[in-house]
Amino acid sequence: ASGYTYSSYCMGWFRQAPGKEREAVATIDS
């Protein structure tokens, strides 16, 4: 990540397979 200077935040990994909706896989906060 670049240009992201907030002290409080969420970051996450999402995935999308063909023909399926995007889904959250894992998240981590500050």
PDB file of all heavy atoms in Angstrom:
ATOM      1  N   ALA A   1       0.832  -1.192   0.000  1.00  0.00           N
ATOM      2  CA  ALA A   1       0.000   0.000   0.000  1.00  0.00           C
ATOM      3  C   ALA A   1       0.867   1.242   0.000  1.00  0.00           C
ATOM      4  O   ALA A   1       1.905   1.296   0.655  1.00  0.00           O
ATOM      5  CB  ALA A   1      -0.924   0.011   1.213  1.00  0.00           C
ATOM      6  N   SER A   2       0.432   2.241  -0.723  1.00  0.00           N
ATOM      7  CA  SER A   2       1.109   3.527  -0.734  1.00  0.00           C
ATOM      8  C   SER A   2       0.080   4.640  -0.650  1.00  0.00           C
ATOM      9  O   SER A   2      -1.070   4.471  -1.067  1.00  0.00           O
ATOM     10  CB  SER A   2       1.972   3.688  -1.986  1.00  0.00           C
ATOM     11  OG  SER A   2       1.168   3.658  -3.154  1.00  0.00           O
ATOM     12  N   GLY A   3       0.492   5.773  -0.107  1.00  0.00           N
ATOM     13  CA  GLY A   3      -0.394   6.915   0.003  1.00  0.00           C
ATOM     14  C   GLY A   3      -1.488   6.754   1.042  1.00  0.00           C
ATOM     15  O   GLY A   3      -2.493   7.471   0.990  1.00  0.00           O
ATOM     16  N   TYR A   4      -1.310   5.821   1.987  1.00  0.00           N
ATOM     17  CA  TYR A   4      -2.299   5.534   3.018  1.00  0.00           C
ATOM     18  C   TYR A   4      -1.684   5.851   4.370  1.00  0.00           C
ATOM     19  O   TYR A   4      -0.863   5.089   4.873  1.00  0.00           O
ATOM     20  CB  TYR A   4      -2.733   4.076   2.943  1.00  0.00           C
ATOM     21  CG  TYR A   4      -3.983   3.753   3.719  1.00  0.00           C
ATOM     22  CD1 TYR A   4      -5.237   4.021   3.192  1.00  0.00           C
ATOM     23  CD2 TYR A   4      -3.902   3.156   4.970  1.00  0.00           C
ATOM     24  CE1 TYR A   4      -6.386   3.714   3.896  1.00  0.00           C
ATOM     25  CE2 TYR A   4      -5.043   2.847   5.685  1.00  0.00           C
ATOM     26  CZ  TYR A   4      -6.290   3.121   5.142  1.00  0.00           C
ATOM     27  OH  TYR A   4      -7.428   2.809   5.839  1.00  0.00           O
ATOM     28  N   THR A   5      -2.094   6.959   4.977  1.00  0.00           N
ATOM     29  CA  THR A   5      -1.447   7.454   6.187  1.00  0.00           C
ATOM     30  C   THR A   5      -2.345   7.452   7.412  1.00  0.00           C
ATOM     31  O   THR A   5      -1.945   7.942   8.461  1.00  0.00           O
ATOM     32  CB  THR A   5      -0.925   8.882   5.960  1.00  0.00           C
ATOM     33  OG1 THR A   5      -2.012   9.748   5.608  1.00  0.00           O
ATOM     34  CG2 THR A   5       0.116   8.897   4.847  1.00  0.00           C
ATOM     35  N   TYR A   6      -3.533   6.894   7.330  1.00  0.00           N
ATOM     36  CA  TYR A   6      -4.450   6.876   8.469  1.00  0.00           C
ATOM     37  C   TYR A   6      -3.929   5.961   9.569  1.00  0.00           C
ATOM     38  O   TYR A   6      -3.427   4.864   9.303  1.00  0.00           O
ATOM     39  CB  TYR A   6      -5.843   6.429   8.027  1.00  0.00           C
ATOM     40  CG  TYR A   6      -6.473   7.342   7.011  1.00  0.00           C
ATOM     41  CD1 TYR A   6      -6.462   7.009   5.667  1.00  0.00           C
ATOM     42  CD2 TYR A   6      -7.068   8.534   7.400  1.00  0.00           C
ATOM     43  CE1 TYR A   6      -7.038   7.850   4.728  1.00  0.00           C
ATOM     44  CE2 TYR A   6      -7.640   9.378   6.470  1.00  0.00           C
ATOM     45  CZ  TYR A   6      -7.622   9.031   5.137  1.00  0.00           C
ATOM     46  OH  TYR A   6      -8.195   9.859   4.206  1.00  0.00           O
ATOM     47  N   SER A   7      -4.064   6.397  10.811  1.00  0.00           N
ATOM     48  CA  SER A   7      -3.622   5.586  11.936  1.00  0.00           C
ATOM     49  C   SER A   7      -4.617   4.483  12.274  1.00  0.00           C
ATOM     50  O   SER A   7      -4.233   3.456  12.830  1.00  0.00           O
ATOM     51  CB  SER A   7      -3.377   6.461  13.165  1.00  0.00           C
ATOM     52  OG  SER A   7      -4.550   7.176  13.529  1.00  0.00           O
ATOM     53  N   SER A   8      -5.879   4.688  11.964  1.00  0.00           N
ATOM     54  CA  SER A   8      -6.913   3.674  12.152  1.00  0.00           C
ATOM     55  C   SER A   8      -7.426   3.244  10.788  1.00  0.00           C
ATOM     56  O   SER A   8      -7.775   4.091   9.965  1.00  0.00           O
ATOM     57  CB  SER A   8      -8.063   4.212  13.003  1.00  0.00           C
ATOM     58  OG  SER A   8      -7.617   4.574  14.300  1.00  0.00           O
ATOM     59  N   TYR A   9      -7.488   1.934  10.561  1.00  0.00           N
ATOM     60  CA  TYR A   9      -7.840   1.465   9.230  1.00  0.00           C
ATOM     61  C   TYR A   9      -8.289   0.012   9.261  1.00  0.00           C
ATOM     62  O   TYR A   9      -8.108  -0.697  10.243  1.00  0.00           O
ATOM     63  CB  TYR A   9      -6.647   1.592   8.281  1.00  0.00           C
ATOM     64  CG  TYR A   9      -5.426   0.835   8.753  1.00  0.00           C
ATOM     65  CD1 TYR A   9      -5.278  -0.528   8.500  1.00  0.00           C
ATOM     66  CD2 TYR A   9      -4.423   1.482   9.470  1.00  0.00           C
ATOM     67  CE1 TYR A   9      -4.168  -1.216   8.954  1.00  0.00           C
ATOM     68  CE2 TYR A   9      -3.315   0.796   9.920  1.00  0.00           C
ATOM     69  CZ  TYR A   9      -3.191  -0.552   9.661  1.00  0.00           C
ATOM     70  OH  TYR A   9      -2.089  -1.242  10.114  1.00  0.00           O
ATOM     71  N   CYS A  10      -8.863  -0.402   8.149  1.00  0.00           N
ATOM     72  CA  CYS A  10      -9.125  -1.799   7.865  1.00  0.00           C
ATOM     73  C   CYS A  10      -8.411  -2.170   6.576  1.00  0.00           C
ATOM     74  O   CYS A  10      -8.397  -1.384   5.620  1.00  0.00           O
ATOM     75  CB  CYS A  10     -10.614  -2.070   7.670  1.00  0.00           C
ATOM     76  SG  CYS A  10     -11.667  -1.780   9.096  1.00  0.00           S
ATOM     77  N   MET A  11      -7.837  -3.348   6.540  1.00  0.00           N
ATOM     78  CA  MET A  11      -7.338  -3.902   5.300  1.00  0.00           C
ATOM     79  C   MET A  11      -7.882  -5.312   5.160  1.00  0.00           C
ATOM     80  O   MET A  11      -8.058  -6.016   6.155  1.00  0.00           O
ATOM     81  CB  MET A  11      -5.815  -3.902   5.242  1.00  0.00           C
ATOM     82  CG  MET A  11      -5.231  -2.500   5.282  1.00  0.00           C
ATOM     83  SD  MET A  11      -3.500  -2.420   4.775  1.00  0.00           S
ATOM     84  CE  MET A  11      -3.668  -2.706   3.004  1.00  0.00           C
ATOM     85  N   GLY A  12      -8.153  -5.701   3.939  1.00  0.00           N
ATOM     86  CA  GLY A  12      -8.760  -7.000   3.743  1.00  0.00           C
ATOM     87  C   GLY A  12      -8.365  -7.654   2.440  1.00  0.00           C
ATOM     88  O   GLY A  12      -7.899  -6.995   1.506  1.00  0.00           O
ATOM     89  N   TRP A  13      -8.548  -8.968   2.415  1.00  0.00           N
ATOM     90  CA  TRP A  13      -8.417  -9.754   1.204  1.00  0.00           C
ATOM     91  C   TRP A  13      -9.790 -10.261   0.806  1.00  0.00           C
ATOM     92  O   TRP A  13     -10.521 -10.815   1.637  1.00  0.00           O
ATOM     93  CB  TRP A  13      -7.465 -10.936   1.403  1.00  0.00           C
ATOM     94  CG  TRP A  13      -6.027 -10.539   1.467  1.00  0.00           C
ATOM     95  CD1 TRP A  13      -5.270 -10.336   2.574  1.00  0.00           C
ATOM     96  CD2 TRP A  13      -5.162 -10.308   0.354  1.00  0.00           C
ATOM     97  NE1 TRP A  13      -3.989  -9.988   2.236  1.00  0.00           N
ATOM     98  CE2 TRP A  13      -3.895  -9.961   0.872  1.00  0.00           C
ATOM     99  CE3 TRP A  13      -5.330 -10.357  -1.034  1.00  0.00           C
ATOM    100  CZ2 TRP A  13      -2.803  -9.670   0.053  1.00  0.00           C
ATOM    101  CZ3 TRP A  13      -4.249 -10.063  -1.849  1.00  0.00           C
ATOM    102  CH2 TRP A  13      -3.008  -9.730  -1.300  1.00  0.00           C
ATOM    103  N   PHE A  14     -10.119 -10.075  -0.455  1.00  0.00           N
ATOM    104  CA  PHE A  14     -11.368 -10.535  -1.028  1.00  0.00           C
ATOM    105  C   PHE A  14     -11.057 -11.418  -2.222  1.00  0.00           C
ATOM    106  O   PHE A  14      -9.952 -11.373  -2.766  1.00  0.00           O
ATOM    107  CB  PHE A  14     -12.236  -9.349  -1.458  1.00  0.00           C
ATOM    108  CG  PHE A  14     -12.692  -8.471  -0.322  1.00  0.00           C
ATOM    109  CD1 PHE A  14     -11.813  -7.593   0.292  1.00  0.00           C
ATOM    110  CD2 PHE A  14     -14.000  -8.521   0.127  1.00  0.00           C
ATOM    111  CE1 PHE A  14     -12.220  -6.784   1.336  1.00  0.00           C
ATOM    112  CE2 PHE A  14     -14.425  -7.715   1.171  1.00  0.00           C
ATOM    113  CZ  PHE A  14     -13.533  -6.850   1.777  1.00  0.00           C
ATOM    114  N   ARG A  15     -12.023 -12.210  -2.630  1.00  0.00           N
ATOM    115  CA  ARG A  15     -11.816 -13.034  -3.810  1.00  0.00           C
ATOM    116  C   ARG A  15     -13.107 -13.151  -4.605  1.00  0.00           C
ATOM    117  O   ARG A  15     -14.205 -13.023  -4.067  1.00  0.00           O
ATOM    118  CB  ARG A  15     -11.296 -14.425  -3.441  1.00  0.00           C
ATOM    119  CG  ARG A  15     -12.284 -15.297  -2.684  1.00  0.00           C
ATOM    120  CD  ARG A  15     -11.609 -16.590  -2.242  1.00  0.00           C
ATOM    121  NE  ARG A  15     -12.526 -17.470  -1.542  1.00  0.00           N
ATOM    122  CZ  ARG A  15     -12.169 -18.596  -0.933  1.00  0.00           C
ATOM    123  NH1 ARG A  15     -10.885 -18.982  -0.950  1.00  0.00           N
ATOM    124  NH2 ARG A  15     -13.074 -19.341  -0.318  1.00  0.00           N
ATOM    125  N   GLN A  16     -12.940 -13.399  -5.885  1.00  0.00           N
ATOM    126  CA  GLN A  16     -14.081 -13.584  -6.758  1.00  0.00           C
ATOM    127  C   GLN A  16     -13.747 -14.649  -7.797  1.00  0.00           C
ATOM    128  O   GLN A  16     -12.783 -14.514  -8.549  1.00  0.00           O
ATOM    129  CB  GLN A  16     -14.474 -12.284  -7.452  1.00  0.00           C
ATOM    130  CG  GLN A  16     -15.751 -12.389  -8.264  1.00  0.00           C
ATOM    131  CD  GLN A  16     -16.272 -11.043  -8.706  1.00  0.00           C
ATOM    132  OE1 GLN A  16     -15.502 -10.091  -8.860  1.00  0.00           O
ATOM    133  NE2 GLN A  16     -17.569 -10.953  -8.912  1.00  0.00           N
ATOM    134  N   ALA A  17     -14.542 -15.701  -7.808  1.00  0.00           N
ATOM    135  CA  ALA A  17     -14.409 -16.756  -8.792  1.00  0.00           C
ATOM    136  C   ALA A  17     -15.367 -16.491  -9.946  1.00  0.00           C
ATOM    137  O   ALA A  17     -16.375 -15.806  -9.779  1.00  0.00           O
ATOM    138  CB  ALA A  17     -14.703 -18.109  -8.158  1.00  0.00           C
ATOM    139  N   PRO A  18     -15.080 -17.023 -11.132  1.00  0.00           N
ATOM    140  CA  PRO A  18     -15.971 -16.811 -12.273  1.00  0.00           C
ATOM    141  C   PRO A  18     -17.403 -17.237 -11.959  1.00  0.00           C
ATOM    142  O   PRO A  18     -17.642 -18.324 -11.444  1.00  0.00           O
ATOM    143  CB  PRO A  18     -15.356 -17.686 -13.364  1.00  0.00           C
ATOM    144  CG  PRO A  18     -13.911 -17.759 -13.005  1.00  0.00           C
ATOM    145  CD  PRO A  18     -13.891 -17.806 -11.499  1.00  0.00           C
ATOM    146  N   GLY A  19     -18.349 -16.360 -12.260  1.00  0.00           N
ATOM    147  CA  GLY A  19     -19.753 -16.657 -12.040  1.00  0.00           C
ATOM    148  C   GLY A  19     -20.221 -16.552 -10.608  1.00  0.00           C
ATOM    149  O   GLY A  19     -21.377 -16.875 -10.318  1.00  0.00           O
ATOM    150  N   LYS A  20     -19.351 -16.112  -9.709  1.00  0.00           N
ATOM    151  CA  LYS A  20     -19.710 -15.991  -8.306  1.00  0.00           C
ATOM    152  C   LYS A  20     -19.542 -14.561  -7.813  1.00  0.00           C
ATOM    153  O   LYS A  20     -18.849 -13.760  -8.436  1.00  0.00           O
ATOM    154  CB  LYS A  20     -18.863 -16.935  -7.449  1.00  0.00           C
ATOM    155  CG  LYS A  20     -19.070 -18.409  -7.751  1.00  0.00           C
ATOM    156  CD  LYS A  20     -18.273 -19.281  -6.807  1.00  0.00           C
ATOM    157  CE  LYS A  20     -18.511 -20.755  -7.069  1.00  0.00           C
ATOM    158  NZ  LYS A  20     -17.733 -21.608  -6.134  1.00  0.00           N
ATOM    159  N   GLU A  21     -20.184 -14.259  -6.696  1.00  0.00           N
ATOM    160  CA  GLU A  21     -20.069 -12.942  -6.087  1.00  0.00           C
ATOM    161  C   GLU A  21     -18.730 -12.797  -5.381  1.00  0.00           C
ATOM    162  O   GLU A  21     -18.128 -13.779  -4.928  1.00  0.00           O
ATOM    163  CB  GLU A  21     -21.208 -12.709  -5.100  1.00  0.00           C
ATOM    164  CG  GLU A  21     -22.599 -12.735  -5.709  1.00  0.00           C
ATOM    165  CD  GLU A  21     -22.825 -11.582  -6.656  1.00  0.00           C
ATOM    166  OE1 GLU A  21     -22.316 -10.475  -6.379  1.00  0.00           O
ATOM    167  OE2 GLU A  21     -23.505 -11.778  -7.673  1.00  0.00           O
ATOM    168  N   ARG A  22     -18.269 -11.560  -5.280  1.00  0.00           N
ATOM    169  CA  ARG A  22     -17.067 -11.280  -4.520  1.00  0.00           C
ATOM    170  C   ARG A  22     -17.341 -11.536  -3.040  1.00  0.00           C
ATOM    171  O   ARG A  22     -18.406 -11.189  -2.525  1.00  0.00           O
ATOM    172  CB  ARG A  22     -16.638  -9.826  -4.726  1.00  0.00           C
ATOM    173  CG  ARG A  22     -15.332  -9.462  -4.051  1.00  0.00           C
ATOM    174  CD  ARG A  22     -14.990  -8.010  -4.317  1.00  0.00           C
ATOM    175  NE  ARG A  22     -15.965  -7.116  -3.721  1.00  0.00           N
ATOM    176  CZ  ARG A  22     -16.119  -5.841  -4.070  1.00  0.00           C
ATOM    177  NH1 ARG A  22     -15.369  -5.324  -5.030  1.00  0.00           N
ATOM    178  NH2 ARG A  22     -17.029  -5.100  -3.465  1.00  0.00           N
ATOM    179  N   GLU A  23     -16.392 -12.138  -2.347  1.00  0.00           N
ATOM    180  CA  GLU A  23     -16.556 -12.434  -0.940  1.00  0.00           C
ATOM    181  C   GLU A  23     -15.329 -12.016  -0.143  1.00  0.00           C
ATOM    182  O   GLU A  23     -14.200 -12.069  -0.640  1.00  0.00           O
ATOM    183  CB  GLU A  23     -16.826 -13.924  -0.713  1.00  0.00           C
ATOM    184  CG  GLU A  23     -15.689 -14.829  -1.143  1.00  0.00           C
ATOM    185  CD  GLU A  23     -15.923 -16.284  -0.795  1.00  0.00           C
ATOM    186  OE1 GLU A  23     -16.752 -16.573   0.097  1.00  0.00           O
ATOM    187  OE2 GLU A  23     -15.270 -17.151  -1.416  1.00  0.00           O
ATOM    188  N   ALA A  24     -15.566 -11.602   1.086  1.00  0.00           N
ATOM    189  CA  ALA A  24     -14.473 -11.285   1.992  1.00  0.00           C
ATOM    190  C   ALA A  24     -13.815 -12.579   2.453  1.00  0.00           C
ATOM    191  O   ALA A  24     -14.498 -13.531   2.826  1.00  0.00           O
ATOM    192  CB  ALA A  24     -14.980 -10.488   3.194  1.00  0.00           C
ATOM    193  N   VAL A  25     -12.498 -12.603   2.441  1.00  0.00           N
ATOM    194  CA  VAL A  25     -11.727 -13.760   2.868  1.00  0.00           C
ATOM    195  C   VAL A  25     -11.147 -13.552   4.260  1.00  0.00           C
ATOM    196  O   VAL A  25     -11.290 -14.396   5.141  1.00  0.00           O
ATOM    197  CB  VAL A  25     -10.600 -14.069   1.866  1.00  0.00           C
ATOM    198  CG1 VAL A  25      -9.721 -15.212   2.367  1.00  0.00           C
ATOM    199  CG2 VAL A  25     -11.184 -14.393   0.502  1.00  0.00           C
ATOM    200  N   ALA A  26     -10.476 -12.424   4.458  1.00  0.00           N
ATOM    201  CA  ALA A  26      -9.830 -12.129   5.730  1.00  0.00           C
ATOM    202  C   ALA A  26      -9.615 -10.635   5.841  1.00  0.00           C
ATOM    203  O   ALA A  26      -9.365  -9.962   4.836  1.00  0.00           O
ATOM    204  CB  ALA A  26      -8.491 -12.861   5.851  1.00  0.00           C
ATOM    205  N   THR A  27      -9.716 -10.107   7.054  1.00  0.00           N
ATOM    206  CA  THR A  27      -9.476  -8.685   7.291  1.00  0.00           C
ATOM    207  C   THR A  27      -8.603  -8.504   8.518  1.00  0.00           C
ATOM    208  O   THR A  27      -8.544  -9.365   9.399  1.00  0.00           O
ATOM    209  CB  THR A  27     -10.780  -7.895   7.481  1.00  0.00           C
ATOM    210  OG1 THR A  27     -11.478  -8.364   8.639  1.00  0.00           O
ATOM    211  CG2 THR A  27     -11.676  -8.031   6.259  1.00  0.00           C
ATOM    212  N   ILE A  28      -7.939  -7.354   8.575  1.00  0.00           N
ATOM    213  CA  ILE A  28      -7.115  -6.990   9.720  1.00  0.00           C
ATOM    214  C   ILE A  28      -7.221  -5.490   9.915  1.00  0.00           C
ATOM    215  O   ILE A  28      -7.280  -4.736   8.948  1.00  0.00           O
ATOM    216  CB  ILE A  28      -5.650  -7.440   9.514  1.00  0.00           C
ATOM    217  CG1 ILE A  28      -4.836  -7.254  10.795  1.00  0.00           C
ATOM    218  CG2 ILE A  28      -5.010  -6.713   8.341  1.00  0.00           C
ATOM    219  CD1 ILE A  28      -3.488  -7.970  10.751  1.00  0.00           C
ATOM    220  N   ASP A  29      -7.266  -5.044  11.180  1.00  0.00           N
ATOM    221  CA  ASP A  29      -7.367  -3.623  11.450  1.00  0.00           C
ATOM    222  C   ASP A  29      -6.066  -3.090  12.028  1.00  0.00           C
ATOM    223  O   ASP A  29      -5.077  -3.811  12.170  1.00  0.00           O
ATOM    224  CB  ASP A  29      -8.574  -3.306  12.342  1.00  0.00           C
ATOM    225  CG  ASP A  29      -8.437  -3.820  13.774  1.00  0.00           C
ATOM    226  OD1 ASP A  29      -7.337  -4.225  14.188  1.00  0.00           O
ATOM    227  OD2 ASP A  29      -9.465  -3.806  14.489  1.00  0.00           O
ATOM    228  N   SER A  30      -6.070  -1.802  12.359  1.00  0.00           N
ATOM    229  CA  SER A  30      -4.859  -1.152  12.841  1.00  0.00           C
ATOM    230  C   SER A  30      -4.401  -1.673  14.199  1.00  0.00           C
ATOM    231  O   SER A  30      -3.245  -1.439  14.574  1.00  0.00           O
ATOM    232  CB  SER A  30      -5.060   0.362  12.898  1.00  0.00           C
ATOM    233  OG  SER A  30      -6.288   0.702  13.518  1.00  0.00           O
TER     234      SER A  30
END
